[in-house]
C-alpha atoms as a PDB file:
ATOM      1  CA  MET A   1       5.093 -38.005  16.138  1.00  0.00           C
ATOM      2  CA  SER A   2       4.693 -34.272  15.855  1.00  0.00           C
ATOM      3  CA  MET A   3       1.770 -32.364  17.342  1.00  0.00           C
ATOM      4  CA  SER A   4       0.647 -31.321  13.869  1.00  0.00           C
ATOM      5  CA  THR A   5       0.429 -34.980  12.860  1.00  0.00           C
ATOM      6  CA  GLN A   6      -1.601 -35.702  15.983  1.00  0.00           C
ATOM      7  CA  LEU A   7      -3.984 -32.865  15.175  1.00  0.00           C
ATOM      8  CA  LEU A   8      -4.349 -34.030  11.581  1.00  0.00           C
ATOM      9  CA  LEU A   9      -5.279 -37.464  12.858  1.00  0.00           C
ATOM     10  CA  GLY A  10      -7.893 -35.854  15.077  1.00  0.00           C
ATOM     11  CA  GLU A  11      -6.915 -37.922  18.095  1.00  0.00           C
ATOM     12  CA  MET A  12      -5.145 -37.277  21.328  1.00  0.00           C
ATOM     13  CA  TYR A  13      -1.726 -38.847  21.587  1.00  0.00           C
ATOM     14  CA  ASP A  14      -2.593 -41.289  24.356  1.00  0.00           C
ATOM     15  CA  ASP A  15      -5.586 -42.612  22.396  1.00  0.00           C
ATOM     16  CA  LEU A  16      -3.324 -43.197  19.430  1.00  0.00           C
ATOM     17  CA  LEU A  17      -0.797 -45.052  21.580  1.00  0.00           C
ATOM     18  CA  HIS A  18      -3.527 -47.303  22.953  1.00  0.00           C
ATOM     19  CA  LYS A  19      -4.684 -48.181  19.448  1.00  0.00           C
ATOM     20  CA  VAL A  20      -1.122 -48.985  18.398  1.00  0.00           C
ATOM     21  CA  MET A  21      -0.687 -51.219  21.460  1.00  0.00           C
ATOM     22  CA  LEU A  22      -3.914 -53.077  20.690  1.00  0.00           C
ATOM     23  CA  ASP A  23      -2.866 -53.556  17.080  1.00  0.00           C
ATOM     24  CA  ARG A  24       0.668 -54.717  17.875  1.00  0.00           C
ATOM     25  CA  GLY A  25      -0.437 -56.820  20.824  1.00  0.00           C
ATOM     26  CA  GLN A  26      -1.970 -59.426  18.577  1.00  0.00           C
ATOM     27  CA  GLU A  27       1.347 -60.455  17.090  1.00  0.00           C
ATOM     28  CA  ALA A  28       4.088 -59.219  19.438  1.00  0.00           C
ATOM     29  CA  SER A  29       5.554 -61.038  22.420  1.00  0.00           C
ATOM     30  CA  LEU A  30       4.613 -60.138  25.977  1.00  0.00           C
ATOM     31  CA  ASP A  31       8.119 -58.757  26.604  1.00  0.00           C
ATOM     32  CA  THR A  32       7.900 -56.531  23.533  1.00  0.00           C
ATOM     33  CA  MET A  33       4.489 -55.211  24.571  1.00  0.00           C
ATOM     34  CA  LEU A  34       5.595 -54.522  28.143  1.00  0.00           C
ATOM     35  CA  ASN A  35       8.533 -52.511  26.791  1.00  0.00           C
ATOM     36  CA  PHE A  36       6.232 -50.593  24.435  1.00  0.00           C
ATOM     37  CA  GLU A  37       3.789 -49.920  27.276  1.00  0.00           C
ATOM     38  CA  THR A  38       6.604 -48.580  29.454  1.00  0.00           C
ATOM     39  CA  GLU A  39       7.732 -46.213  26.704  1.00  0.00           C
ATOM     40  CA  ALA A  40       4.153 -45.066  26.105  1.00  0.00           C
ATOM     41  CA  LEU A  41       3.683 -44.396  29.817  1.00  0.00           C
ATOM     42  CA  VAL A  42       6.862 -42.320  29.947  1.00  0.00           C
ATOM     43  CA  GLN A  43       5.833 -40.310  26.874  1.00  0.00           C
ATOM     44  CA  THR A  44       2.336 -39.549  28.133  1.00  0.00           C
ATOM     45  CA  ALA A  45       3.571 -38.743  31.645  1.00  0.00           C
ATOM     46  CA  MET A  46       5.546 -35.831  30.212  1.00  0.00           C
ATOM     47  CA  THR A  47       2.546 -34.107  28.610  1.00  0.00           C
ATOM     48  CA  ARG A  48       0.771 -30.959  29.730  1.00  0.00           C
ATOM     49  CA  ASP A  49      -2.498 -32.872  29.826  1.00  0.00           C
ATOM     50  CA  ASN A  50      -1.044 -35.246  32.413  1.00  0.00           C
ATOM     51  CA  LEU A  51      -0.020 -32.305  34.572  1.00  0.00           C
ATOM     52  CA  GLU A  52      -3.467 -30.731  34.142  1.00  0.00           C
ATOM     53  CA  GLY A  53      -5.170 -33.985  35.110  1.00  0.00           C
ATOM     54  CA  THR A  54      -3.047 -34.292  38.237  1.00  0.00           C
ATOM     55  CA  ARG A  55      -3.666 -30.679  39.241  1.00  0.00           C
ATOM     56  CA  ALA A  56      -7.396 -30.991  38.626  1.00  0.00           C
ATOM     57  CA  PHE A  57      -7.540 -34.132  40.753  1.00  0.00           C
ATOM     58  CA  PHE A  58      -5.864 -32.494  43.734  1.00  0.00           C
ATOM     59  CA  GLU A  59      -7.891 -29.292  43.303  1.00  0.00           C
ATOM     60  CA  LYS A  60     -11.097 -31.383  43.071  1.00  0.00           C
ATOM     61  CA  ARG A  61     -12.194 -29.867  39.770  1.00  0.00           C
ATOM     62  CA  GLU A  62     -12.830 -31.060  36.230  1.00  0.00           C
ATOM     63  CA  PRO A  63      -9.678 -31.101  34.061  1.00  0.00           C
ATOM     64  CA  MET A  64      -9.443 -28.921  30.974  1.00  0.00           C
ATOM     65  CA  PHE A  65      -7.448 -31.037  28.514  1.00  0.00           C
ATOM     66  CA  THR A  66      -5.961 -29.424  25.424  1.00  0.00           C
ATOM     67  CA  GLY A  67      -4.331 -32.376  23.703  1.00  0.00           C
ATOM     68  CA  GLU A  68      -0.826 -31.160  24.524  1.00  0.00           C
END
């Protein structure tokens, strides 16, 4: 999903992924959901917000997330 689509939805990408997992989790198998969760983790781990959160943690300051 493109960043412009994310902005139009008014949600951060990780929030959207969580909602999709909750929706799909009601009818998908455990194996399917574990695979989806792994992919979601990989996608969110590569974001600038993840890097900012990690830096803020080690610098003992509040993170400044941008939704990127």
